[in-house]
Each structure stands twice: as C-alpha cells, then as structure tokens.
PDB file of N, CA and C in Angstrom:
ATOM      1  N   MET A   1      -6.911 -28.731  -2.810  1.00  0.00           N
ATOM      2  CA  MET A   1      -6.186 -28.096  -1.851  1.00  0.00           C
ATOM      3  C   MET A   1      -5.727 -26.592  -2.363  1.00  0.00           C
ATOM      4  N   ILE A   2      -5.375 -26.635  -3.555  1.00  0.00           N
ATOM      5  CA  ILE A   2      -4.939 -25.260  -3.903  1.00  0.00           C
ATOM      6  C   ILE A   2      -6.029 -24.428  -4.095  1.00  0.00           C
ATOM      7  N   ALA A   3      -7.317 -24.911  -4.635  1.00  0.00           N
ATOM      8  CA  ALA A   3      -8.529 -23.958  -4.748  1.00  0.00           C
ATOM      9  C   ALA A   3      -8.909 -23.792  -3.210  1.00  0.00           C
ATOM     10  N   LEU A   4      -8.905 -24.507  -2.549  1.00  0.00           N
ATOM     11  CA  LEU A   4      -9.066 -24.236  -0.947  1.00  0.00           C
ATOM     12  C   LEU A   4      -8.380 -22.904  -0.534  1.00  0.00           C
ATOM     13  N   ALA A   5      -7.170 -23.119  -0.833  1.00  0.00           N
ATOM     14  CA  ALA A   5      -5.961 -22.355  -0.331  1.00  0.00           C
ATOM     15  C   ALA A   5      -6.263 -20.746  -0.839  1.00  0.00           C
ATOM     16  N   TYR A   6      -6.455 -20.623  -2.197  1.00  0.00           N
ATOM     17  CA  TYR A   6      -6.840 -19.562  -2.842  1.00  0.00           C
ATOM     18  C   TYR A   6      -8.178 -19.036  -2.313  1.00  0.00           C
ATOM     19  N   HIS A   7      -9.145 -19.870  -2.015  1.00  0.00           N
ATOM     20  CA  HIS A   7     -10.466 -19.366  -1.563  1.00  0.00           C
ATOM     21  C   HIS A   7     -10.351 -18.832  -0.221  1.00  0.00           C
ATOM     22  N   ARG A   8      -9.538 -19.536   0.507  1.00  0.00           N
ATOM     23  CA  ARG A   8      -9.327 -18.733   2.008  1.00  0.00           C
ATOM     24  C   ARG A   8      -8.334 -17.528   2.029  1.00  0.00           C
ATOM     25  N   ALA A   9      -7.265 -17.486   1.109  1.00  0.00           N
ATOM     26  CA  ALA A   9      -6.563 -16.178   0.873  1.00  0.00           C
ATOM     27  C   ALA A   9      -7.540 -15.192   0.610  1.00  0.00           C
ATOM     28  N   ALA A  10      -8.575 -15.480  -0.306  1.00  0.00           N
ATOM     29  CA  ALA A  10      -9.517 -14.352  -0.650  1.00  0.00           C
ATOM     30  C   ALA A  10     -10.641 -14.202   0.287  1.00  0.00           C
ATOM     31  N   ARG A  11     -10.626 -14.864   1.588  1.00  0.00           N
ATOM     32  CA  ARG A  11     -11.444 -14.541   2.531  1.00  0.00           C
ATOM     33  C   ARG A  11     -13.023 -14.938   2.120  1.00  0.00           C
ATOM     34  N   GLY A  12     -13.059 -15.932   1.526  1.00  0.00           N
ATOM     35  CA  GLY A  12     -14.382 -16.593   0.926  1.00  0.00           C
ATOM     36  C   GLY A  12     -14.864 -15.795  -0.421  1.00  0.00           C
ATOM     37  N   ASP A  13     -14.201 -14.920  -0.873  1.00  0.00           N
ATOM     38  CA  ASP A  13     -14.536 -14.303  -2.133  1.00  0.00           C
ATOM     39  C   ASP A  13     -14.104 -15.091  -3.479  1.00  0.00           C
ATOM     40  N   ALA A  14     -15.011 -16.080  -4.076  1.00  0.00           N
ATOM     41  CA  ALA A  14     -14.844 -16.916  -5.040  1.00  0.00           C
ATOM     42  C   ALA A  14     -14.165 -16.131  -6.218  1.00  0.00           C
ATOM     43  N   TRP A  15     -14.807 -15.230  -6.606  1.00  0.00           N
ATOM     44  CA  TRP A  15     -14.431 -14.404  -7.779  1.00  0.00           C
ATOM     45  C   TRP A  15     -12.933 -13.925  -7.287  1.00  0.00           C
ATOM     46  N   HIS A  16     -12.621 -13.347  -6.609  1.00  0.00           N
ATOM     47  CA  HIS A  16     -11.234 -13.005  -6.237  1.00  0.00           C
ATOM     48  C   HIS A  16     -10.213 -14.066  -6.320  1.00  0.00           C
ATOM     49  N   ALA A  17     -10.841 -15.285  -5.623  1.00  0.00           N
ATOM     50  CA  ALA A  17      -9.796 -16.389  -5.618  1.00  0.00           C
ATOM     51  C   ALA A  17      -9.756 -16.900  -6.938  1.00  0.00           C
ATOM     52  N   LEU A  18     -10.674 -16.790  -7.825  1.00  0.00           N
ATOM     53  CA  LEU A  18     -10.416 -17.512  -9.301  1.00  0.00           C
ATOM     54  C   LEU A  18      -9.712 -16.480  -9.871  1.00  0.00           C
ATOM     55  N   VAL A  19      -9.810 -15.307  -9.788  1.00  0.00           N
ATOM     56  CA  VAL A  19      -9.169 -14.276 -10.748  1.00  0.00           C
ATOM     57  C   VAL A  19      -7.296 -14.392 -10.262  1.00  0.00           C
ATOM     58  N   THR A  20      -7.180 -14.361  -9.034  1.00  0.00           N
ATOM     59  CA  THR A  20      -5.951 -14.428  -8.484  1.00  0.00           C
ATOM     60  C   THR A  20      -5.238 -15.763  -8.816  1.00  0.00           C
ATOM     61  N   ALA A  21      -5.796 -17.048  -8.839  1.00  0.00           N
ATOM     62  CA  ALA A  21      -5.527 -18.404  -9.043  1.00  0.00           C
ATOM     63  C   ALA A  21      -4.834 -18.046 -10.769  1.00  0.00           C
ATOM     64  N   VAL A  22      -6.032 -17.579 -11.421  1.00  0.00           N
ATOM     65  CA  VAL A  22      -5.533 -17.304 -12.934  1.00  0.00           C
ATOM     66  C   VAL A  22      -4.497 -16.387 -13.314  1.00  0.00           C
ATOM     67  N   ALA A  23      -4.306 -15.485 -12.371  1.00  0.00           N
ATOM     68  CA  ALA A  23      -3.148 -14.514 -12.666  1.00  0.00           C
ATOM     69  C   ALA A  23      -1.895 -15.278 -12.413  1.00  0.00           C
ATOM     70  N   ASP A  24      -1.707 -15.591 -11.128  1.00  0.00           N
ATOM     71  CA  ASP A  24      -0.636 -16.557 -10.913  1.00  0.00           C
ATOM     72  C   ASP A  24      -0.293 -17.694 -11.963  1.00  0.00           C
ATOM     73  N   ALA A  25      -1.150 -18.303 -12.625  1.00  0.00           N
ATOM     74  CA  ALA A  25      -1.028 -19.459 -13.419  1.00  0.00           C
ATOM     75  C   ALA A  25      -0.386 -18.719 -14.680  1.00  0.00           C
ATOM     76  N   LEU A  26      -0.881 -17.644 -15.054  1.00  0.00           N
ATOM     77  CA  LEU A  26      -0.427 -16.888 -16.304  1.00  0.00           C
ATOM     78  C   LEU A  26       1.209 -16.514 -16.039  1.00  0.00           C
ATOM     79  N   VAL A  27       1.426 -15.959 -14.797  1.00  0.00           N
ATOM     80  CA  VAL A  27       2.977 -15.548 -14.498  1.00  0.00           C
ATOM     81  C   VAL A  27       3.721 -16.948 -14.541  1.00  0.00           C
ATOM     82  N   ASP A  28       3.295 -18.166 -13.973  1.00  0.00           N
ATOM     83  CA  ASP A  28       4.022 -19.289 -14.035  1.00  0.00           C
ATOM     84  C   ASP A  28       4.229 -19.804 -15.408  1.00  0.00           C
ATOM     85  N   LEU A  29       3.265 -19.566 -16.312  1.00  0.00           N
ATOM     86  CA  LEU A  29       3.137 -20.089 -17.574  1.00  0.00           C
ATOM     87  C   LEU A  29       4.276 -19.021 -18.548  1.00  0.00           C
ATOM     88  N   ALA A  30       4.329 -17.775 -18.311  1.00  0.00           N
ATOM     89  CA  ALA A  30       5.063 -16.791 -18.829  1.00  0.00           C
ATOM     90  C   ALA A  30       6.440 -17.201 -18.495  1.00  0.00           C
ATOM     91  N   GLU A  31       6.573 -17.616 -17.321  1.00  0.00           N
ATOM     92  CA  GLU A  31       8.107 -17.880 -16.964  1.00  0.00           C
ATOM     93  C   GLU A  31       8.580 -19.261 -17.328  1.00  0.00           C
ATOM     94  N   ALA A  32       7.719 -20.244 -17.528  1.00  0.00           N
ATOM     95  CA  ALA A  32       8.014 -21.517 -18.182  1.00  0.00           C
ATOM     96  C   ALA A  32       8.365 -21.365 -19.572  1.00  0.00           C
ATOM     97  N   GLU A  33       7.641 -20.593 -20.468  1.00  0.00           N
ATOM     98  CA  GLU A  33       7.932 -20.250 -21.590  1.00  0.00           C
ATOM     99  C   GLU A  33       9.201 -19.521 -21.968  1.00  0.00           C
ATOM    100  N   ARG A  34       9.550 -18.512 -20.851  1.00  0.00           N
ATOM    101  CA  ARG A  34      10.973 -17.888 -21.093  1.00  0.00           C
ATOM    102  C   ARG A  34      11.870 -19.103 -20.857  1.00  0.00           C
ATOM    103  N   CYS A  35      11.814 -20.029 -19.889  1.00  0.00           N
ATOM    104  CA  CYS A  35      12.788 -21.143 -19.644  1.00  0.00           C
ATOM    105  C   CYS A  35      12.926 -22.047 -20.743  1.00  0.00           C
ATOM    106  N   ILE A  36      11.861 -22.391 -21.596  1.00  0.00           N
ATOM    107  CA  ILE A  36      11.673 -22.964 -22.886  1.00  0.00           C
ATOM    108  C   ILE A  36      12.566 -22.376 -23.770  1.00  0.00           C
ATOM    109  N   ALA A  37      12.341 -21.168 -23.842  1.00  0.00           N
ATOM    110  CA  ALA A  37      12.907 -20.369 -24.820  1.00  0.00           C
ATOM    111  C   ALA A  37      14.420 -20.149 -25.050  1.00  0.00           C
ATOM    112  N   ARG A  38      14.776 -19.974 -23.666  1.00  0.00           N
ATOM    113  CA  ARG A  38      16.221 -19.876 -23.402  1.00  0.00           C
ATOM    114  C   ARG A  38      17.001 -21.436 -23.543  1.00  0.00           C
ATOM    115  N   GLN A  39      16.247 -22.348 -23.148  1.00  0.00           N
ATOM    116  CA  GLN A  39      17.080 -23.549 -23.418  1.00  0.00           C
ATOM    117  C   GLN A  39      17.033 -23.952 -24.885  1.00  0.00           C
ATOM    118  N   GLY A  40      16.167 -23.232 -25.768  1.00  0.00           N
ATOM    119  CA  GLY A  40      16.093 -23.634 -27.032  1.00  0.00           C
ATOM    120  C   GLY A  40      17.164 -22.818 -27.789  1.00  0.00           C
ATOM    121  N   GLN A  41      17.579 -21.659 -27.248  1.00  0.00           N
ATOM    122  CA  GLN A  41      18.521 -20.780 -27.617  1.00  0.00           C
ATOM    123  C   GLN A  41      19.915 -21.585 -27.228  1.00  0.00           C
ATOM    124  N   LEU A  42      19.867 -22.076 -26.245  1.00  0.00           N
ATOM    125  CA  LEU A  42      21.330 -22.705 -25.706  1.00  0.00           C
ATOM    126  C   LEU A  42      21.647 -23.930 -26.505  1.00  0.00           C
ATOM    127  N   ILE A  43      20.458 -24.805 -26.807  1.00  0.00           N
ATOM    128  CA  ILE A  43      20.590 -26.083 -27.611  1.00  0.00           C
ATOM    129  C   ILE A  43      20.986 -25.463 -29.029  1.00  0.00           C
ATOM    130  N   SER A  44      20.298 -24.388 -29.592  1.00  0.00           N
ATOM    131  CA  SER A  44      20.686 -24.208 -30.906  1.00  0.00           C
ATOM    132  C   SER A  44      22.078 -23.707 -31.321  1.00  0.00           C
ATOM    133  N   HIS A  45      22.725 -23.246 -30.023  1.00  0.00           N
ATOM    134  CA  HIS A  45      24.023 -22.770 -30.187  1.00  0.00           C
ATOM    135  C   HIS A  45      25.310 -23.809 -29.711  1.00  0.00           C
ATOM    136  N   GLY A  46      24.640 -24.946 -29.337  1.00  0.00           N
ATOM    137  CA  GLY A  46      25.399 -26.214 -29.281  1.00  0.00           C
ATOM    138  C   GLY A  46      25.999 -26.171 -27.777  1.00  0.00           C
ATOM    139  N   TYR A  47      25.223 -25.730 -27.048  1.00  0.00           N
ATOM    140  CA  TYR A  47      25.455 -25.688 -25.291  1.00  0.00           C
ATOM    141  C   TYR A  47      24.603 -26.257 -24.715  1.00  0.00           C
ATOM    142  N   ALA A  48      23.971 -27.501 -25.141  1.00  0.00           N
ATOM    143  CA  ALA A  48      23.354 -28.395 -24.409  1.00  0.00           C
ATOM    144  C   ALA A  48      23.784 -29.205 -23.025  1.00  0.00           C
ATOM    145  N   ARG A  49      23.257 -29.149 -21.905  1.00  0.00           N
ATOM    146  CA  ARG A  49      23.921 -29.576 -20.687  1.00  0.00           C
ATOM    147  C   ARG A  49      23.547 -30.926 -20.564  1.00  0.00           C
ATOM    148  N   GLY A  50      24.572 -31.615 -19.928  1.00  0.00           N
ATOM    149  CA  GLY A  50      24.291 -33.192 -19.582  1.00  0.00           C
ATOM    150  C   GLY A  50      24.625 -34.170 -21.048  1.00  0.00           C
ATOM    151  N   ARG A  51      24.766 -35.313 -21.075  1.00  0.00           N
ATOM    152  CA  ARG A  51      25.123 -35.982 -22.113  1.00  0.00           C
ATOM    153  C   ARG A  51      24.111 -37.000 -22.222  1.00  0.00           C
ATOM    154  N   THR A  52      23.716 -37.527 -23.345  1.00  0.00           N
ATOM    155  CA  THR A  52      22.661 -38.725 -23.567  1.00  0.00           C
ATOM    156  C   THR A  52      23.446 -39.925 -23.635  1.00  0.00           C
ATOM    157  N   GLY A  53      24.715 -40.050 -23.542  1.00  0.00           N
ATOM    158  CA  GLY A  53      25.299 -41.224 -24.059  1.00  0.00           C
ATOM    159  C   GLY A  53      25.413 -41.709 -25.491  1.00  0.00           C
ATOM    160  N   ALA A  54      25.019 -41.028 -26.377  1.00  0.00           N
ATOM    161  CA  ALA A  54      24.812 -41.329 -27.507  1.00  0.00           C
ATOM    162  C   ALA A  54      26.306 -41.181 -28.283  1.00  0.00           C
ATOM    163  N   PHE A  55      26.967 -40.466 -27.744  1.00  0.00           N
ATOM    164  CA  PHE A  55      28.559 -40.471 -28.172  1.00  0.00           C
ATOM    165  C   PHE A  55      29.314 -41.618 -27.845  1.00  0.00           C
ATOM    166  N   GLU A  56      28.951 -42.119 -26.747  1.00  0.00           N
ATOM    167  CA  GLU A  56      29.773 -43.281 -25.953  1.00  0.00           C
ATOM    168  C   GLU A  56      29.286 -44.667 -27.019  1.00  0.00           C
ATOM    169  N   ALA A  57      27.896 -44.604 -27.096  1.00  0.00           N
ATOM    170  CA  ALA A  57      27.158 -45.772 -27.740  1.00  0.00           C
ATOM    171  C   ALA A  57      27.926 -45.957 -29.042  1.00  0.00           C
ATOM    172  N   ALA A  58      28.108 -44.514 -29.942  1.00  0.00           N
ATOM    173  CA  ALA A  58      28.593 -44.802 -31.135  1.00  0.00           C
ATOM    174  C   ALA A  58      30.165 -44.754 -31.458  1.00  0.00           C
ATOM    175  N   ARG A  59      30.774 -44.629 -30.184  1.00  0.00           N
ATOM    176  CA  ARG A  59      32.123 -45.079 -30.458  1.00  0.00           C
ATOM    177  C   ARG A  59      32.545 -46.594 -30.247  1.00  0.00           C
ATOM    178  N   PRO A  60      33.708 -46.960 -31.211  1.00  0.00           N
ATOM    179  CA  PRO A  60      33.936 -48.138 -31.459  1.00  0.00           C
ATOM    180  C   PRO A  60      34.552 -48.768 -30.108  1.00  0.00           C
ATOM    181  N   PRO A  61      34.348 -49.850 -29.729  1.00  0.00           N
ATOM    182  CA  PRO A  61      35.020 -50.560 -28.423  1.00  0.00           C
ATOM    183  C   PRO A  61      36.470 -50.390 -28.769  1.00  0.00           C
ATOM    184  N   GLY A  62      37.253 -50.160 -27.759  1.00  0.00           N
ATOM    185  CA  GLY A  62      38.669 -49.991 -27.937  1.00  0.00           C
ATOM    186  C   GLY A  62      39.230 -50.222 -26.112  1.00  0.00           C
ATOM    187  N   PRO A  63      40.610 -50.009 -26.344  1.00  0.00           N
ATOM    188  CA  PRO A  63      40.988 -50.352 -24.937  1.00  0.00           C
ATOM    189  C   PRO A  63      40.593 -49.278 -24.041  1.00  0.00           C
ATOM    190  N   GLU A  64      40.744 -49.633 -22.696  1.00  0.00           N
ATOM    191  CA  GLU A  64      40.017 -48.618 -21.880  1.00  0.00           C
ATOM    192  C   GLU A  64      40.775 -47.625 -21.704  1.00  0.00           C
ATOM    193  N   ARG A  65      40.265 -46.501 -21.341  1.00  0.00           N
ATOM    194  CA  ARG A  65      40.907 -45.042 -21.475  1.00  0.00           C
ATOM    195  C   ARG A  65      40.609 -44.664 -19.840  1.00  0.00           C
ATOM    196  N   PRO A  66      41.770 -43.938 -19.270  1.00  0.00           N
ATOM    197  CA  PRO A  66      41.530 -43.430 -17.938  1.00  0.00           C
ATOM    198  C   PRO A  66      40.662 -42.326 -17.882  1.00  0.00           C
TER     199      PRO A  66
END
C-alpha cells in the first residue's frame, strides 16, 4: 500500500517514487534518533518519566498510607 501510494504520487515514475520513499524514511530515521538521544539525556539526568513499580516492590510491607 505504501509503495503504491508513492508510485501514484510520482505519477508512475518508479525511480522518483523510490527516491522520495527513501528520503522520507531518512527524515523519519533522523527524527527517531533525535528522540532516542533526548530520552537518553533525560534518563541520564534522572528525569525518567513513568514508574516501573520497582520502588513499590522493594519497599517493605507496612500500614496502608493514604
């Protein structure tokens, strides 16, 4: 489906469709790499989002806290 969409957008020019698809993929790859690098920076600074539950699992049982 994706290849057909590129082929149609290129008006049947297979080479142009291929070049456009590869260029789009490289842009997406660069964006993904930027996101991964940013996540790595945040994690290395201790700002990881979300919780794994590891802290609660390691905490000894005790009275319920509100």
